[in-house]
Amino acid sequence: MQEHARRWRAADSRPRADGRYSQGTYQIRRLTILERRGVDTEQEELEALQKWWKENGRAVVVGLVLGLGGVFGWTAWQSRVEATAERLSVVYQSMVEMAASDDHREALLRADQIMQDQPDSEYAALAGLLGAKSAFAIGRTDDANHLLGWVVENASRAELRDVARIRSARLLLDGGEADAGLAMLAQVSTSAFAATVEELRGDILIDNRQSEAAAKAYETALSSAPITSGTRARLQMKLDDLGRSDRPGQSR
């Protein structure tokens, strides 16, 4: 089938005069572009989130709990802070390990435990994000949407809410809800995610057969800073697929 797809694209690889592709070519191009989207962007988000958590995670949890420290004696409260942070850390780490080993059902149980036990903590938001990924991996799309929605509504940090919005937009795209996906992306405000948002916007516009608008979104993503070399190469391939090989951001 892959060989057939390559022949099909070669036979009819340019859009019509109205900027749209024929039905057959459109379907093949959609698959090609969307295949390039998933794994790479998920990995980039995960790496960014893990780096942030390594640098800030424990301090954030301790800081949140310490905010209530004046209510109790300092020594007793300090012990409680340390115990809470340590317990959440252990449960979350076990969840990460389960998800990494594809034990997604157990990972979801850990997510529920964290979110029920400490819903106001950063761990709860992170558990919701990772739990949504596990839910999607085992075909529980409704659960994935629910968990992402919970993070959007409850996470205290804008960065985590925006990660949830981006992933929700991907699920909406996969479910054929392009307009809802675009509306979700419009709510993302974290500047560090600009390239991710524009690339996903382009993918959604491709799904809507709006090739010109999609190309502009990819070009905007290319001009965003900073982006990795992998992201730059992926965006350029998407532009090449749309017949836009000579654009700003292209390596020469």
C-alpha atoms as a PDB file:
ATOM      1  CA  MET A   1       0.000   0.000   0.000  1.00  0.00           C
ATOM      2  CA  GLN A   2       2.875   2.391   0.763  1.00  0.00           C
ATOM      3  CA  GLU A   3       4.266   1.859  -2.746  1.00  0.00           C
ATOM      4  CA  HIS A   4       0.830   2.517  -4.200  1.00  0.00           C
ATOM      5  CA  ALA A   5       0.617   5.745  -2.174  1.00  0.00           C
ATOM      6  CA  ARG A   6       3.976   6.939  -3.500  1.00  0.00           C
ATOM      7  CA  ARG A   7       2.894   6.305  -7.096  1.00  0.00           C
ATOM      8  CA  TRP A   8      -0.385   8.115  -6.478  1.00  0.00           C
ATOM      9  CA  ARG A   9       1.366  11.220  -5.161  1.00  0.00           C
ATOM     10  CA  ALA A  10       3.846  11.224  -8.028  1.00  0.00           C
ATOM     11  CA  ALA A  11       1.049  11.105 -10.569  1.00  0.00           C
ATOM     12  CA  ASP A  12      -0.859  14.048  -9.111  1.00  0.00           C
ATOM     13  CA  SER A  13       1.243  15.984  -6.622  1.00  0.00           C
ATOM     14  CA  ARG A  14       0.107  19.558  -7.181  1.00  0.00           C
ATOM     15  CA  PRO A  15      -3.061  21.306  -6.021  1.00  0.00           C
ATOM     16  CA  ARG A  16      -5.638  22.407  -8.533  1.00  0.00           C
ATOM     17  CA  ALA A  17      -5.959  26.044  -9.551  1.00  0.00           C
ATOM     18  CA  ASP A  18      -8.302  26.662  -6.599  1.00  0.00           C
ATOM     19  CA  GLY A  19      -5.602  25.518  -4.165  1.00  0.00           C
ATOM     20  CA  ARG A  20      -7.316  22.241  -3.343  1.00  0.00           C
ATOM     21  CA  TYR A  21      -6.290  18.674  -4.077  1.00  0.00           C
ATOM     22  CA  SER A  22      -8.274  15.972  -5.784  1.00  0.00           C
ATOM     23  CA  GLN A  23     -10.061  13.614  -3.378  1.00  0.00           C
ATOM     24  CA  GLY A  24      -7.603  10.760  -3.812  1.00  0.00           C
ATOM     25  CA  THR A  25      -4.480  12.867  -3.580  1.00  0.00           C
ATOM     26  CA  TYR A  26      -5.883  14.774  -0.620  1.00  0.00           C
ATOM     27  CA  GLN A  27      -6.398  11.582   1.364  1.00  0.00           C
ATOM     28  CA  ILE A  28      -2.861  10.367   0.733  1.00  0.00           C
ATOM     29  CA  ARG A  29      -1.324  13.767   1.551  1.00  0.00           C
ATOM     30  CA  ARG A  30      -3.365  13.984   4.734  1.00  0.00           C
ATOM     31  CA  LEU A  31      -2.012  10.640   5.911  1.00  0.00           C
ATOM     32  CA  THR A  32       1.544  11.599   4.989  1.00  0.00           C
ATOM     33  CA  ILE A  33       1.450  14.899   6.864  1.00  0.00           C
ATOM     34  CA  LEU A  34      -0.363  13.582   9.914  1.00  0.00           C
ATOM     35  CA  GLU A  35       2.029  10.642  10.207  1.00  0.00           C
ATOM     36  CA  ARG A  36       4.879  13.143  10.550  1.00  0.00           C
ATOM     37  CA  ARG A  37       3.073  15.003  13.318  1.00  0.00           C
ATOM     38  CA  GLY A  38       2.421  12.556  16.124  1.00  0.00           C
ATOM     39  CA  VAL A  39       5.498  10.902  17.533  1.00  0.00           C
ATOM     40  CA  ASP A  40       7.964  13.752  17.064  1.00  0.00           C
ATOM     41  CA  THR A  41       5.797  16.483  18.579  1.00  0.00           C
ATOM     42  CA  GLU A  42       4.709  14.297  21.495  1.00  0.00           C
ATOM     43  CA  GLN A  43       8.346  13.521  22.262  1.00  0.00           C
ATOM     44  CA  GLU A  44       9.334  17.191  22.090  1.00  0.00           C
ATOM     45  CA  GLU A  45       6.545  18.166  24.490  1.00  0.00           C
ATOM     46  CA  LEU A  46       7.449  15.334  26.848  1.00  0.00           C
ATOM     47  CA  GLU A  47      11.114  16.321  26.907  1.00  0.00           C
ATOM     48  CA  ALA A  48      10.254  19.970  27.590  1.00  0.00           C
ATOM     49  CA  LEU A  49       7.864  19.002  30.375  1.00  0.00           C
ATOM     50  CA  GLN A  50      10.333  16.589  31.942  1.00  0.00           C
ATOM     51  CA  LYS A  51      13.059  19.252  31.890  1.00  0.00           C
ATOM     52  CA  TRP A  52      10.736  21.769  33.523  1.00  0.00           C
ATOM     53  CA  TRP A  53       9.681  19.249  36.157  1.00  0.00           C
ATOM     54  CA  LYS A  54      13.268  18.235  36.933  1.00  0.00           C
ATOM     55  CA  GLU A  55      14.142  21.875  37.548  1.00  0.00           C
ATOM     56  CA  ASN A  56      10.978  22.992  39.332  1.00  0.00           C
ATOM     57  CA  GLY A  57       8.756  20.101  40.340  1.00  0.00           C
ATOM     58  CA  ARG A  58       9.586  19.385  43.940  1.00  0.00           C
ATOM     59  CA  ALA A  59      10.048  23.063  44.783  1.00  0.00           C
ATOM     60  CA  VAL A  60       6.606  23.834  43.320  1.00  0.00           C
ATOM     61  CA  VAL A  61       4.884  21.157  45.384  1.00  0.00           C
ATOM     62  CA  VAL A  62       6.669  22.217  48.563  1.00  0.00           C
ATOM     63  CA  GLY A  63       5.893  25.873  47.841  1.00  0.00           C
ATOM     64  CA  LEU A  64       2.209  25.189  47.358  1.00  0.00           C
ATOM     65  CA  VAL A  65       1.938  23.306  50.622  1.00  0.00           C
ATOM     66  CA  LEU A  66       4.055  25.836  52.512  1.00  0.00           C
ATOM     67  CA  GLY A  67       1.544  28.509  51.586  1.00  0.00           C
ATOM     68  CA  LEU A  68      -0.646  27.153  54.373  1.00  0.00           C
ATOM     69  CA  GLY A  69       2.199  26.823  56.863  1.00  0.00           C
ATOM     70  CA  GLY A  70       1.091  29.649  59.138  1.00  0.00           C
ATOM     71  CA  VAL A  71      -1.951  27.682  60.265  1.00  0.00           C
ATOM     72  CA  PHE A  72       0.094  25.030  62.071  1.00  0.00           C
ATOM     73  CA  GLY A  73       3.266  24.831  64.061  1.00  0.00           C
ATOM     74  CA  TRP A  74       6.361  25.101  61.876  1.00  0.00           C
ATOM     75  CA  THR A  75       8.027  21.824  62.860  1.00  0.00           C
ATOM     76  CA  ALA A  76       4.890  19.728  62.449  1.00  0.00           C
ATOM     77  CA  TRP A  77       3.999  21.459  59.199  1.00  0.00           C
ATOM     78  CA  GLN A  78       7.480  21.038  57.769  1.00  0.00           C
ATOM     79  CA  SER A  79       7.278  17.300  58.418  1.00  0.00           C
ATOM     80  CA  ARG A  80       3.902  17.162  56.727  1.00  0.00           C
ATOM     81  CA  VAL A  81       5.207  19.100  53.729  1.00  0.00           C
ATOM     82  CA  GLU A  82       8.089  16.718  53.253  1.00  0.00           C
ATOM     83  CA  ALA A  83       5.886  13.649  53.653  1.00  0.00           C
ATOM     84  CA  THR A  84       3.309  14.935  51.155  1.00  0.00           C
ATOM     85  CA  ALA A  85       5.900  15.888  48.556  1.00  0.00           C
ATOM     86  CA  GLU A  86       7.710  12.589  48.941  1.00  0.00           C
ATOM     87  CA  ARG A  87       4.533  10.518  48.675  1.00  0.00           C
ATOM     88  CA  LEU A  88       3.340  12.353  45.578  1.00  0.00           C
ATOM     89  CA  SER A  89       6.776  12.043  44.030  1.00  0.00           C
ATOM     90  CA  VAL A  90       6.834   8.272  44.577  1.00  0.00           C
ATOM     91  CA  VAL A  91       3.336   7.728  43.167  1.00  0.00           C
ATOM     92  CA  TYR A  92       3.970   9.949  40.159  1.00  0.00           C
ATOM     93  CA  GLN A  93       7.302   8.291  39.410  1.00  0.00           C
ATOM     94  CA  SER A  94       5.635   4.869  39.518  1.00  0.00           C
ATOM     95  CA  MET A  95       3.045   6.180  37.073  1.00  0.00           C
ATOM     96  CA  VAL A  96       5.770   7.388  34.701  1.00  0.00           C
ATOM     97  CA  GLU A  97       7.443   3.978  34.823  1.00  0.00           C
ATOM     98  CA  MET A  98       4.170   2.152  34.179  1.00  0.00           C
ATOM     99  CA  ALA A  99       3.345   4.335  31.191  1.00  0.00           C
ATOM    100  CA  ALA A 100       6.857   3.848  29.819  1.00  0.00           C
ATOM    101  CA  SER A 101       6.449   0.076  30.038  1.00  0.00           C
ATOM    102  CA  ASP A 102       3.000   0.238  28.363  1.00  0.00           C
ATOM    103  CA  ASP A 103       1.168  -0.718  31.562  1.00  0.00           C
ATOM    104  CA  HIS A 104      -1.367   1.971  30.783  1.00  0.00           C
ATOM    105  CA  ARG A 105      -4.260   0.682  32.881  1.00  0.00           C
ATOM    106  CA  GLU A 106      -2.155   0.759  36.029  1.00  0.00           C
ATOM    107  CA  ALA A 107      -0.844   4.178  35.031  1.00  0.00           C
ATOM    108  CA  LEU A 108      -4.436   5.421  34.856  1.00  0.00           C
ATOM    109  CA  LEU A 109      -5.112   4.087  38.350  1.00  0.00           C
ATOM    110  CA  ARG A 110      -2.116   6.048  39.639  1.00  0.00           C
ATOM    111  CA  ALA A 111      -3.350   9.165  37.854  1.00  0.00           C
ATOM    112  CA  ASP A 112      -6.730   8.837  39.534  1.00  0.00           C
ATOM    113  CA  GLN A 113      -5.039   8.321  42.906  1.00  0.00           C
ATOM    114  CA  ILE A 114      -2.968  11.494  42.586  1.00  0.00           C
ATOM    115  CA  MET A 115      -5.804  13.616  41.212  1.00  0.00           C
ATOM    116  CA  GLN A 116      -8.203  12.488  43.930  1.00  0.00           C
ATOM    117  CA  ASP A 117      -5.675  12.793  46.746  1.00  0.00           C
ATOM    118  CA  GLN A 118      -4.063  16.152  45.891  1.00  0.00           C
ATOM    119  CA  PRO A 119      -6.136  17.835  43.146  1.00  0.00           C
ATOM    120  CA  ASP A 120      -4.547  21.246  43.732  1.00  0.00           C
ATOM    121  CA  SER A 121      -0.958  20.055  43.295  1.00  0.00           C
ATOM    122  CA  GLU A 122       1.166  20.292  40.168  1.00  0.00           C
ATOM    123  CA  TYR A 123       1.492  16.520  40.361  1.00  0.00           C
ATOM    124  CA  ALA A 124      -2.251  16.229  39.726  1.00  0.00           C
ATOM    125  CA  ALA A 125      -1.983  18.255  36.513  1.00  0.00           C
ATOM    126  CA  LEU A 126       1.025  16.237  35.344  1.00  0.00           C
ATOM    127  CA  ALA A 127      -0.786  13.012  36.210  1.00  0.00           C
ATOM    128  CA  GLY A 128      -3.760  14.194  34.157  1.00  0.00           C
ATOM    129  CA  LEU A 129      -1.551  14.824  31.129  1.00  0.00           C
ATOM    130  CA  LEU A 130       0.232  11.504  31.367  1.00  0.00           C
ATOM    131  CA  GLY A 131      -3.008   9.699  32.173  1.00  0.00           C
ATOM    132  CA  ALA A 132      -4.601  11.125  29.028  1.00  0.00           C
ATOM    133  CA  LYS A 133      -1.699   9.784  26.990  1.00  0.00           C
ATOM    134  CA  SER A 134      -2.151   6.333  28.538  1.00  0.00           C
ATOM    135  CA  ALA A 135      -5.915   6.430  27.988  1.00  0.00           C
ATOM    136  CA  PHE A 136      -5.421   7.263  24.323  1.00  0.00           C
ATOM    137  CA  ALA A 137      -2.853   4.470  23.967  1.00  0.00           C
ATOM    138  CA  ILE A 138      -5.440   1.860  24.965  1.00  0.00           C
ATOM    139  CA  GLY A 139      -8.274   3.357  22.937  1.00  0.00           C
ATOM    140  CA  ARG A 140     -10.096   5.153  25.757  1.00  0.00           C
ATOM    141  CA  THR A 141     -10.463   8.430  23.910  1.00  0.00           C
ATOM    142  CA  ASP A 142     -13.327   9.698  26.055  1.00  0.00           C
ATOM    143  CA  ASP A 143     -11.206   9.239  29.177  1.00  0.00           C
ATOM    144  CA  ALA A 144      -8.310  11.034  27.479  1.00  0.00           C
ATOM    145  CA  ASN A 145     -10.562  13.980  26.634  1.00  0.00           C
ATOM    146  CA  HIS A 146     -11.927  14.059  30.178  1.00  0.00           C
ATOM    147  CA  LEU A 147      -8.458  14.094  31.743  1.00  0.00           C
ATOM    148  CA  LEU A 148      -7.227  16.841  29.431  1.00  0.00           C
ATOM    149  CA  GLY A 149     -10.338  18.872  30.162  1.00  0.00           C
ATOM    150  CA  TRP A 150      -9.666  18.464  33.878  1.00  0.00           C
ATOM    151  CA  VAL A 151      -6.143  19.830  33.454  1.00  0.00           C
ATOM    152  CA  VAL A 152      -7.420  22.809  31.441  1.00  0.00           C
ATOM    153  CA  GLU A 153      -9.924  23.630  34.175  1.00  0.00           C
ATOM    154  CA  ASN A 154      -7.801  22.892  37.242  1.00  0.00           C
ATOM    155  CA  ALA A 155      -4.068  23.290  36.591  1.00  0.00           C
ATOM    156  CA  SER A 156      -2.642  26.356  38.316  1.00  0.00           C
ATOM    157  CA  ARG A 157       0.139  26.918  35.786  1.00  0.00           C
ATOM    158  CA  ALA A 158      -0.665  28.319  32.343  1.00  0.00           C
ATOM    159  CA  GLU A 159       2.018  26.150  30.721  1.00  0.00           C
ATOM    160  CA  LEU A 160       0.330  22.946  31.868  1.00  0.00           C
ATOM    161  CA  ARG A 161      -3.115  24.185  30.844  1.00  0.00           C
ATOM    162  CA  ASP A 162      -1.754  24.993  27.402  1.00  0.00           C
ATOM    163  CA  VAL A 163      -0.137  21.567  26.985  1.00  0.00           C
ATOM    164  CA  ALA A 164      -3.568  20.090  27.727  1.00  0.00           C
ATOM    165  CA  ARG A 165      -5.206  22.409  25.171  1.00  0.00           C
ATOM    166  CA  ILE A 166      -2.703  21.427  22.482  1.00  0.00           C
ATOM    167  CA  ARG A 167      -3.276  17.734  23.102  1.00  0.00           C
ATOM    168  CA  SER A 168      -7.041  18.256  23.185  1.00  0.00           C
ATOM    169  CA  ALA A 169      -6.788  19.951  19.796  1.00  0.00           C
ATOM    170  CA  ARG A 170      -4.962  16.899  18.441  1.00  0.00           C
ATOM    171  CA  LEU A 171      -7.708  14.616  19.706  1.00  0.00           C
ATOM    172  CA  LEU A 172     -10.331  16.871  18.163  1.00  0.00           C
ATOM    173  CA  LEU A 173      -8.479  16.701  14.847  1.00  0.00           C
ATOM    174  CA  ASP A 174      -8.299  12.921  15.057  1.00  0.00           C
ATOM    175  CA  GLY A 175     -12.032  12.882  15.778  1.00  0.00           C
ATOM    176  CA  GLY A 176     -12.846  15.001  12.726  1.00  0.00           C
ATOM    177  CA  GLU A 177     -13.709  18.132  14.732  1.00  0.00           C
ATOM    178  CA  ALA A 178     -11.453  20.583  12.939  1.00  0.00           C
ATOM    179  CA  ASP A 179     -13.267  23.777  13.923  1.00  0.00           C
ATOM    180  CA  ALA A 180     -13.291  22.797  17.599  1.00  0.00           C
ATOM    181  CA  GLY A 181      -9.587  22.019  17.344  1.00  0.00           C
ATOM    182  CA  LEU A 182      -8.843  25.464  15.926  1.00  0.00           C
ATOM    183  CA  ALA A 183     -10.914  27.078  18.676  1.00  0.00           C
ATOM    184  CA  MET A 184      -8.956  25.154  21.305  1.00  0.00           C
ATOM    185  CA  LEU A 185      -5.626  26.268  19.827  1.00  0.00           C
ATOM    186  CA  ALA A 186      -6.780  29.887  19.890  1.00  0.00           C
ATOM    187  CA  GLN A 187      -6.791  29.713  23.692  1.00  0.00           C
ATOM    188  CA  VAL A 188      -3.097  28.774  23.971  1.00  0.00           C
ATOM    189  CA  SER A 189      -1.088  31.740  25.250  1.00  0.00           C
ATOM    190  CA  THR A 190       2.320  30.302  26.209  1.00  0.00           C
ATOM    191  CA  SER A 191       4.810  31.810  23.764  1.00  0.00           C
ATOM    192  CA  ALA A 192       7.164  28.835  24.035  1.00  0.00           C
ATOM    193  CA  PHE A 193       4.515  26.716  22.293  1.00  0.00           C
ATOM    194  CA  ALA A 194       4.094  29.060  19.305  1.00  0.00           C
ATOM    195  CA  ALA A 195       5.728  26.725  16.791  1.00  0.00           C
ATOM    196  CA  THR A 196       3.792  23.715  18.091  1.00  0.00           C
ATOM    197  CA  VAL A 197       0.511  25.615  17.873  1.00  0.00           C
ATOM    198  CA  GLU A 198       1.124  26.863  14.334  1.00  0.00           C
ATOM    199  CA  GLU A 199       2.224  23.443  13.116  1.00  0.00           C
ATOM    200  CA  LEU A 200      -0.890  21.827  14.554  1.00  0.00           C
ATOM    201  CA  ARG A 201      -3.017  24.637  13.122  1.00  0.00           C
ATOM    202  CA  GLY A 202      -1.527  23.796   9.737  1.00  0.00           C
ATOM    203  CA  ASP A 203      -2.350  20.113  10.202  1.00  0.00           C
ATOM    204  CA  ILE A 204      -5.954  20.969  11.043  1.00  0.00           C
ATOM    205  CA  LEU A 205      -6.221  23.261   8.024  1.00  0.00           C
ATOM    206  CA  ILE A 206      -4.875  20.449   5.844  1.00  0.00           C
ATOM    207  CA  ASP A 207      -7.685  18.307   7.214  1.00  0.00           C
ATOM    208  CA  ASN A 208     -10.069  21.079   6.157  1.00  0.00           C
ATOM    209  CA  ARG A 209      -8.455  21.084   2.680  1.00  0.00           C
ATOM    210  CA  GLN A 210      -7.268  24.666   3.138  1.00  0.00           C
ATOM    211  CA  SER A 211      -3.804  24.192   1.686  1.00  0.00           C
ATOM    212  CA  GLU A 212      -2.920  27.884   1.333  1.00  0.00           C
ATOM    213  CA  ALA A 213      -3.814  28.679   4.929  1.00  0.00           C
ATOM    214  CA  ALA A 214      -2.005  25.541   6.092  1.00  0.00           C
ATOM    215  CA  ALA A 215       1.168  26.592   4.283  1.00  0.00           C
ATOM    216  CA  LYS A 216       1.047  30.000   5.966  1.00  0.00           C
ATOM    217  CA  ALA A 217       0.693  28.339   9.366  1.00  0.00           C
ATOM    218  CA  TYR A 218       3.711  26.111   8.680  1.00  0.00           C
ATOM    219  CA  GLU A 219       5.712  29.148   7.548  1.00  0.00           C
ATOM    220  CA  THR A 220       4.774  30.973  10.755  1.00  0.00           C
ATOM    221  CA  ALA A 221       5.915  27.951  12.751  1.00  0.00           C
ATOM    222  CA  LEU A 222       9.231  27.953  10.885  1.00  0.00           C
ATOM    223  CA  SER A 223       9.824  31.587  11.775  1.00  0.00           C
ATOM    224  CA  SER A 224       9.080  30.988  15.457  1.00  0.00           C
ATOM    225  CA  ALA A 225      11.992  30.751  17.869  1.00  0.00           C
ATOM    226  CA  PRO A 226      13.368  28.616  19.209  1.00  0.00           C
ATOM    227  CA  ILE A 227      12.650  25.421  17.274  1.00  0.00           C
ATOM    228  CA  THR A 228      14.726  22.272  17.067  1.00  0.00           C
ATOM    229  CA  SER A 229      16.403  21.044  13.908  1.00  0.00           C
ATOM    230  CA  GLY A 230      13.981  18.117  13.886  1.00  0.00           C
ATOM    231  CA  THR A 231      10.986  20.430  14.008  1.00  0.00           C
ATOM    232  CA  ARG A 232      12.459  22.604  11.257  1.00  0.00           C
ATOM    233  CA  ALA A 233      13.021  19.582   9.009  1.00  0.00           C
ATOM    234  CA  ARG A 234       9.511  18.260   9.641  1.00  0.00           C
ATOM    235  CA  LEU A 235       7.918  21.617   8.860  1.00  0.00           C
ATOM    236  CA  GLN A 236       9.947  21.955   5.685  1.00  0.00           C
ATOM    237  CA  MET A 237       8.809  18.510   4.531  1.00  0.00           C
ATOM    238  CA  LYS A 238       5.209  19.543   5.077  1.00  0.00           C
ATOM    239  CA  LEU A 239       5.761  22.680   3.024  1.00  0.00           C
ATOM    240  CA  ASP A 240       7.469  20.608   0.329  1.00  0.00           C
ATOM    241  CA  ASP A 241       4.401  18.365   0.228  1.00  0.00           C
ATOM    242  CA  LEU A 242       2.325  21.480  -0.415  1.00  0.00           C
ATOM    243  CA  GLY A 243       4.626  22.667  -3.179  1.00  0.00           C
ATOM    244  CA  ARG A 244       6.158  25.397  -0.998  1.00  0.00           C
ATOM    245  CA  SER A 245       9.832  24.458  -1.042  1.00  0.00           C
ATOM    246  CA  ASP A 246      11.291  27.964  -1.355  1.00  0.00           C
ATOM    247  CA  ARG A 247      10.091  29.638   1.829  1.00  0.00           C
ATOM    248  CA  PRO A 248      11.531  31.568   4.793  1.00  0.00           C
ATOM    249  CA  GLY A 249      13.170  29.284   7.331  1.00  0.00           C
ATOM    250  CA  GLN A 250      14.372  26.797   4.737  1.00  0.00           C
ATOM    251  CA  SER A 251      17.992  25.762   5.051  1.00  0.00           C
ATOM    252  CA  ARG A 252      20.030  26.719   2.018  1.00  0.00           C
END
